[in-house]
C-alpha cells in the first residue's frame, strides 16, 4: 500500500468528488479513478459508494480514513525530520494542546524560538487529554499539554509556571453572577456544563461526597461552544478562568469556586523516544527559561 494512494484516498474522501480531488492533486481524473480502484482491489473492499450527487464513504472507507490520516501524518513527520537533520534552525514542531489561558506561555516560547530559527514551522491541534495523548503515543505529536498529572512511567514532563483556577461562567443577569464565589450548595439544582474528563476527575474531587447532588446537563469538548449555550441560559458552565471572553461587554461573568480548585498544566513528551532536532532545541530552551 503506497502513501501516494492513501493521500489520494484522503483527498477524495474530503472532497466527495473525483473531479475536484483530481484537480487538487494535479492529476487527471482517469488516473485518480484508477488509483482508487487499485486501492480497493488491494484491500479487497469497496471504499466509496458512487451516487449521482458525488461519492460517500462506505463503512470500510470510514475505517481506512482514520488509519490513513495517522499513516500519512507519520509519513509527513518522517520526511520533515530527515529534511531537517543537521539543520537545527528549521523543522516542524507538533503540539496537542488542552484549552487554557496558559497556552500563551507556550506561544511566547515558540515566538522566541522562531526569532532564532527562521525556518521553524509548527502544527497545533486541540483536544481533551485522551485525544492528544493517543496522538502522542502514536508518534504524530512531539509534545502534549495536559490538564492533569501525567503518567511519569511513560512520559517526561515540565510544569507550566502558573495554575488554572476553576469557576462558573454564567450570564451577567444569572443569580450566581451576584456571588463573589460559588459553593457546591449554590450549584445544587443547576443544569451544569463541563468537559467529561473534568467532571469525572477535578469536579468529582472538589465535590467529594456531594457529587451526587450535582446535575450534569451536557458535556462539551470545546469551552467556546459551552459558553454559547451558557449565554443562552441553558446551563452553568464549569471551566477555567480566562478560557472564554468574560469582559464587560461579553454578557458573561466568571465566579471562582469555593473552596478554591486549581489545576496545573504539564507539557509532556514520550519517555525514551528520540525527538527531532528542532524539538530537542525547543526543549532546551524551555528548560533554560
Protein backbone atom coordinates (compact mmCIF):
# COMPACT_ATOMS: atom_id res chain seq x y z
CA UNK A 1 0.00 0.00 0.00
CA UNK A 2 1.56 3.27 -1.12
CA UNK A 3 1.43 6.53 0.81
CA UNK A 4 0.63 8.21 -2.52
CA UNK A 5 -2.54 6.14 -2.81
CA UNK A 6 -3.55 6.95 0.77
CA UNK A 7 -3.05 10.68 0.13
CA UNK A 8 -5.27 10.40 -2.94
CA UNK A 9 -7.90 8.46 -0.99
CA UNK A 10 -7.97 11.12 1.75
CA UNK A 11 -8.40 13.90 -0.81
CA UNK A 12 -11.30 12.09 -2.49
CA UNK A 13 -12.94 11.41 0.89
CA UNK A 14 -12.59 15.10 1.79
CA UNK A 15 -13.97 16.44 -1.50
CA UNK A 16 -16.53 13.64 -2.08
CA UNK A 17 -15.96 14.38 -5.75
CA UNK A 18 -13.44 12.76 -8.09
CA UNK A 19 -13.06 15.76 -10.41
CA UNK A 20 -12.30 18.26 -7.65
CA UNK A 21 -9.97 15.83 -5.89
CA UNK A 22 -8.05 15.20 -9.12
CA UNK A 23 -7.63 18.96 -9.66
CA UNK A 24 -6.35 19.42 -6.09
CA UNK A 25 -3.88 16.56 -6.61
CA UNK A 26 -2.77 17.90 -10.01
CA UNK A 27 -3.57 14.65 -11.80
CA UNK A 28 -6.13 13.53 -14.34
CA UNK A 29 -9.47 12.15 -13.21
CA UNK A 30 -8.93 8.80 -15.00
CA UNK A 31 -5.56 8.39 -13.27
CA UNK A 32 -7.12 9.14 -9.87
CA UNK A 33 -10.03 6.74 -10.50
CA UNK A 34 -7.56 4.03 -11.45
CA UNK A 35 -5.53 4.67 -8.28
CA UNK A 36 -8.63 4.42 -6.06
CA UNK A 37 -9.83 1.25 -7.81
CA UNK A 38 -6.36 -0.25 -7.36
CA UNK A 39 -6.50 0.57 -3.64
CA UNK A 40 -9.95 -1.02 -3.36
CA UNK A 41 -8.67 -4.12 -5.15
CA UNK A 42 -5.63 -4.31 -2.85
CA UNK A 43 -7.80 -4.08 0.26
CA UNK A 44 -10.49 -6.34 -1.15
CA UNK A 45 -13.33 -3.96 -0.31
CA UNK A 46 -15.32 -1.05 -1.70
CA UNK A 47 -14.30 2.28 -0.21
CA UNK A 48 -16.84 4.61 -1.84
CA UNK A 49 -20.47 4.45 -2.87
CA UNK A 50 -20.90 6.28 -6.16
CA UNK A 51 -24.08 8.36 -6.19
CA UNK A 52 -25.49 10.92 -8.62
CA UNK A 53 -24.51 13.80 -6.33
CA UNK A 54 -21.00 12.53 -5.58
CA UNK A 55 -19.14 9.95 -3.52
CA UNK A 56 -19.74 8.81 0.05
CA UNK A 57 -17.54 6.58 2.15
CA UNK A 58 -18.58 3.04 2.94
CA UNK A 59 -18.17 1.69 6.49
CA UNK A 60 -14.82 0.23 5.41
CA UNK A 61 -13.87 3.55 3.84
CA UNK A 62 -14.51 5.38 7.12
CA UNK A 63 -12.23 2.93 8.93
CA UNK A 64 -9.48 3.45 6.34
CA UNK A 65 -9.87 7.24 6.58
CA UNK A 66 -8.97 7.17 10.27
CA UNK A 67 -6.00 4.86 9.73
CA UNK A 68 -4.82 6.72 6.61
CA UNK A 69 -4.75 10.03 8.47
CA UNK A 70 -2.38 8.55 11.03
CA UNK A 71 -0.16 6.89 8.40
CA UNK A 72 0.06 9.95 6.17
CA UNK A 73 0.69 12.16 9.19
CA UNK A 74 3.53 9.89 10.27
CA UNK A 75 4.99 9.85 6.74
CA UNK A 76 4.92 13.66 6.68
CA UNK A 77 6.72 13.75 10.02
CA UNK A 78 9.42 11.34 8.85
CA UNK A 79 10.03 13.37 5.68
CA UNK A 80 10.20 16.60 7.66
CA UNK A 81 12.56 15.21 10.31
CA UNK A 82 15.02 13.82 7.78
CA UNK A 83 14.88 17.03 5.76
CA UNK A 84 15.87 19.00 8.87
CA UNK A 85 18.62 16.68 10.16
CA UNK A 86 21.75 18.73 10.73
CA UNK A 87 19.70 21.92 10.39
CA UNK A 88 18.56 22.91 13.88
CA UNK A 89 17.32 26.25 12.56
CA UNK A 90 14.36 24.60 10.89
CA UNK A 91 11.81 21.82 11.07
CA UNK A 92 8.28 21.38 12.36
CA UNK A 93 7.08 21.13 15.95
CA UNK A 94 3.89 19.15 16.57
CA UNK A 95 1.74 20.03 19.59
CA UNK A 96 -1.50 18.68 21.06
CA UNK A 97 -3.00 21.22 23.45
CA UNK A 98 -5.52 21.36 26.24
CA UNK A 99 -7.51 24.61 26.46
CA UNK A 100 -6.07 27.16 28.89
CA UNK A 101 -5.03 30.80 29.03
CA UNK A 102 -1.57 29.47 29.93
CA UNK A 103 -1.07 28.40 26.32
CA UNK A 104 0.13 31.99 25.89
CA UNK A 105 3.30 30.91 27.72
CA UNK A 106 3.87 28.22 25.09
CA UNK A 107 3.14 30.68 22.29
CA UNK A 108 5.76 33.10 23.67
CA UNK A 109 8.33 30.30 23.79
CA UNK A 110 7.57 29.37 20.17
CA UNK A 111 7.88 33.04 19.17
CA UNK A 112 11.24 33.24 20.93
CA UNK A 113 12.50 30.14 19.12
CA UNK A 114 11.26 31.43 15.78
CA UNK A 115 13.34 34.58 16.20
CA UNK A 116 16.40 32.30 16.19
CA UNK A 117 15.13 29.69 13.70
CA UNK A 118 13.80 31.33 10.56
CA UNK A 119 12.68 28.01 9.06
CA UNK A 120 10.67 26.92 12.11
CA UNK A 121 7.16 25.68 11.42
CA UNK A 122 4.63 24.27 13.86
CA UNK A 123 1.40 22.31 13.79
CA UNK A 124 -1.13 22.62 16.61
CA UNK A 125 -4.19 20.50 17.37
CA UNK A 126 -6.50 20.98 20.32
CA UNK A 127 -8.47 18.40 22.24
CA UNK A 128 -9.09 16.67 25.53
CA UNK A 129 -6.18 14.85 27.16
CA UNK A 130 -7.21 11.40 25.95
CA UNK A 131 -7.18 12.57 22.32
CA UNK A 132 -3.82 14.33 22.40
CA UNK A 133 -2.21 11.51 24.39
CA UNK A 134 -3.36 8.99 21.79
CA UNK A 135 -1.64 11.01 19.06
CA UNK A 136 1.44 11.49 21.22
CA UNK A 137 1.63 7.72 21.75
CA UNK A 138 1.23 7.13 18.01
CA UNK A 139 4.18 9.41 17.33
CA UNK A 140 2.33 12.09 15.35
CA UNK A 141 2.98 14.70 18.08
CA UNK A 142 6.19 15.88 19.74
CA UNK A 143 4.53 17.38 22.81
CA UNK A 144 1.17 17.36 24.54
CA UNK A 145 -0.20 19.81 27.09
CA UNK A 146 -2.26 18.05 29.77
CA UNK A 147 -4.58 19.45 32.40
CA UNK A 148 -3.86 16.59 34.80
CA UNK A 149 -0.85 14.85 36.31
CA UNK A 150 0.94 12.74 33.67
CA UNK A 151 1.96 9.11 34.00
CA UNK A 152 5.68 9.60 34.65
CA UNK A 153 6.43 5.97 33.84
CA UNK A 154 5.51 6.73 30.20
CA UNK A 155 6.14 10.46 29.86
CA UNK A 156 8.61 13.13 30.81
CA UNK A 157 7.09 16.43 31.83
CA UNK A 158 7.59 20.10 32.62
CA UNK A 159 5.11 22.08 34.72
CA UNK A 160 3.72 25.36 33.43
CA UNK A 161 4.66 28.33 35.64
CA UNK A 162 1.10 29.17 36.76
CA UNK A 163 -2.16 27.36 37.56
CA UNK A 164 -5.67 27.47 36.16
CA UNK A 165 -8.47 28.49 38.50
CA UNK A 166 -11.85 26.75 38.26
CA UNK A 167 -15.16 28.56 38.46
CA UNK A 168 -18.54 29.03 36.83
CA UNK A 169 -19.32 31.04 33.72
CA UNK A 170 -22.88 32.41 33.65
CA UNK A 171 -24.83 35.25 32.02
CA UNK A 172 -24.41 38.60 33.75
CA UNK A 173 -28.06 38.52 34.88
CA UNK A 174 -27.85 34.99 36.35
CA UNK A 175 -28.44 34.62 40.10
CA UNK A 176 -24.87 33.32 40.57
CA UNK A 177 -23.42 36.46 38.96
CA UNK A 178 -24.07 38.38 42.19
CA UNK A 179 -21.81 36.00 44.18
CA UNK A 180 -18.12 36.72 44.76
CA UNK A 181 -17.52 32.94 44.76
CA UNK A 182 -19.66 29.84 44.25
CA UNK A 183 -20.02 26.88 46.63
CA UNK A 184 -21.42 23.45 45.97
CA UNK A 185 -24.69 24.48 47.67
CA UNK A 186 -25.04 27.25 45.07
CA UNK A 187 -24.79 24.68 42.27
CA UNK A 188 -27.37 22.20 43.57
CA UNK A 189 -30.34 22.18 41.21
CA UNK A 190 -28.49 23.98 38.41
CA UNK A 191 -28.01 22.32 34.99
CA UNK A 192 -24.24 22.11 34.61
CA UNK A 193 -21.95 22.06 31.58
CA UNK A 194 -18.47 20.60 31.86
CA UNK A 195 -15.94 18.54 29.92
CA UNK A 196 -16.41 14.83 30.51
CA UNK A 197 -12.83 14.47 31.73
CA UNK A 198 -13.09 17.30 34.27
CA UNK A 199 -16.47 16.08 35.53
CA UNK A 200 -15.01 12.66 36.32
CA UNK A 201 -11.79 13.96 37.87
CA UNK A 202 -11.39 17.60 39.00
CA UNK A 203 -15.05 18.33 39.75
CA UNK A 204 -15.56 14.93 41.41
CA UNK A 205 -12.53 15.58 43.62
CA UNK A 206 -13.81 19.05 44.53
CA UNK A 207 -17.38 17.95 45.26
CA UNK A 208 -16.41 14.79 47.14
CA UNK A 209 -19.39 13.09 48.79
CA UNK A 210 -21.68 15.85 47.46
CA UNK A 211 -21.10 14.84 43.84
CA UNK A 212 -24.48 13.03 43.58
CA UNK A 213 -26.17 16.35 44.41
CA UNK A 214 -24.89 17.92 41.17
CA UNK A 215 -26.67 17.53 37.83
CA UNK A 216 -24.67 17.34 34.62
CA UNK A 217 -26.76 18.78 31.80
CA UNK A 218 -24.28 18.20 28.96
CA UNK A 219 -20.60 17.62 28.24
CA UNK A 220 -18.60 19.79 25.86
CA UNK A 221 -15.21 19.27 24.26
CA UNK A 222 -14.80 22.98 23.48
CA UNK A 223 -15.36 25.66 26.11
CA UNK A 224 -16.35 28.23 23.46
CA UNK A 225 -19.37 26.18 22.38
CA UNK A 226 -20.36 25.55 26.00
CA UNK A 227 -20.17 29.30 26.68
CA UNK A 228 -22.61 29.94 23.81
CA UNK A 229 -25.10 27.59 25.47
CA UNK A 230 -24.47 29.19 28.87
CA UNK A 231 -25.08 32.66 27.41
CA UNK A 232 -28.49 31.45 26.22
CA UNK A 233 -29.35 30.42 29.79
CA UNK A 234 -29.31 26.68 29.15
CA UNK A 235 -26.88 25.89 31.95
CA UNK A 236 -23.94 26.88 34.13
CA UNK A 237 -20.50 26.26 32.66
CA UNK A 238 -17.78 24.84 34.92
CA UNK A 239 -14.46 25.83 33.38
CA UNK A 240 -11.10 27.52 33.81
CA UNK A 241 -10.89 31.26 34.27
CA UNK A 242 -9.96 33.22 31.12
CA UNK A 243 -10.81 30.33 28.82
CA UNK A 244 -13.65 32.31 27.19
CA UNK A 245 -14.38 36.02 26.94
CA UNK A 246 -15.99 37.31 30.16
CA UNK A 247 -15.22 41.00 29.59
CA UNK A 248 -17.79 43.67 30.45
CA UNK A 249 -19.49 43.58 27.04
CA UNK A 250 -19.45 39.77 26.63
CA UNK A 251 -22.65 39.17 28.55
CA UNK A 252 -20.86 36.56 30.69
CA UNK A 253 -19.13 36.61 34.07
CA UNK A 254 -16.71 34.26 35.82
CA UNK A 255 -17.06 33.42 39.51
CA UNK A 256 -14.46 31.19 41.24
CA UNK A 257 -15.38 28.03 43.09
CA UNK A 258 -15.31 27.93 46.91
CA UNK A 259 -13.26 26.19 48.23
CA UNK A 260 -10.76 27.05 45.51
CA UNK A 261 -10.00 24.45 42.85
CA UNK A 262 -6.89 24.85 40.70
CA UNK A 263 -5.26 22.72 38.01
CA UNK A 264 -1.62 22.58 36.94
CA UNK A 265 -0.75 22.20 33.27
CA UNK A 266 2.06 19.93 32.12
CA UNK A 267 3.98 19.79 28.86
CA UNK A 268 4.74 16.11 28.25
CA UNK A 269 6.64 14.00 25.73
CA UNK A 270 7.22 10.26 25.41
CA UNK A 271 9.94 8.85 27.62
CA UNK A 272 12.81 7.12 25.76
CA UNK A 273 11.60 8.27 22.33
CA UNK A 274 14.04 10.32 20.22
CA UNK A 275 12.90 13.86 19.47
CA UNK A 276 13.58 15.71 16.22
CA UNK A 277 16.47 18.22 16.29
CA UNK A 278 14.09 21.19 16.45
CA UNK A 279 12.07 19.58 19.25
CA UNK A 280 15.28 18.97 21.20
CA UNK A 281 16.22 22.63 20.75
CA UNK A 282 12.79 23.77 21.89
CA UNK A 283 13.07 21.58 24.99
CA UNK A 284 16.48 23.00 25.85
CA UNK A 285 15.03 26.49 25.57
CA UNK A 286 12.15 25.62 27.91
CA UNK A 287 14.45 24.09 30.48
CA UNK A 288 16.59 27.21 30.44
CA UNK A 289 13.64 29.58 30.74
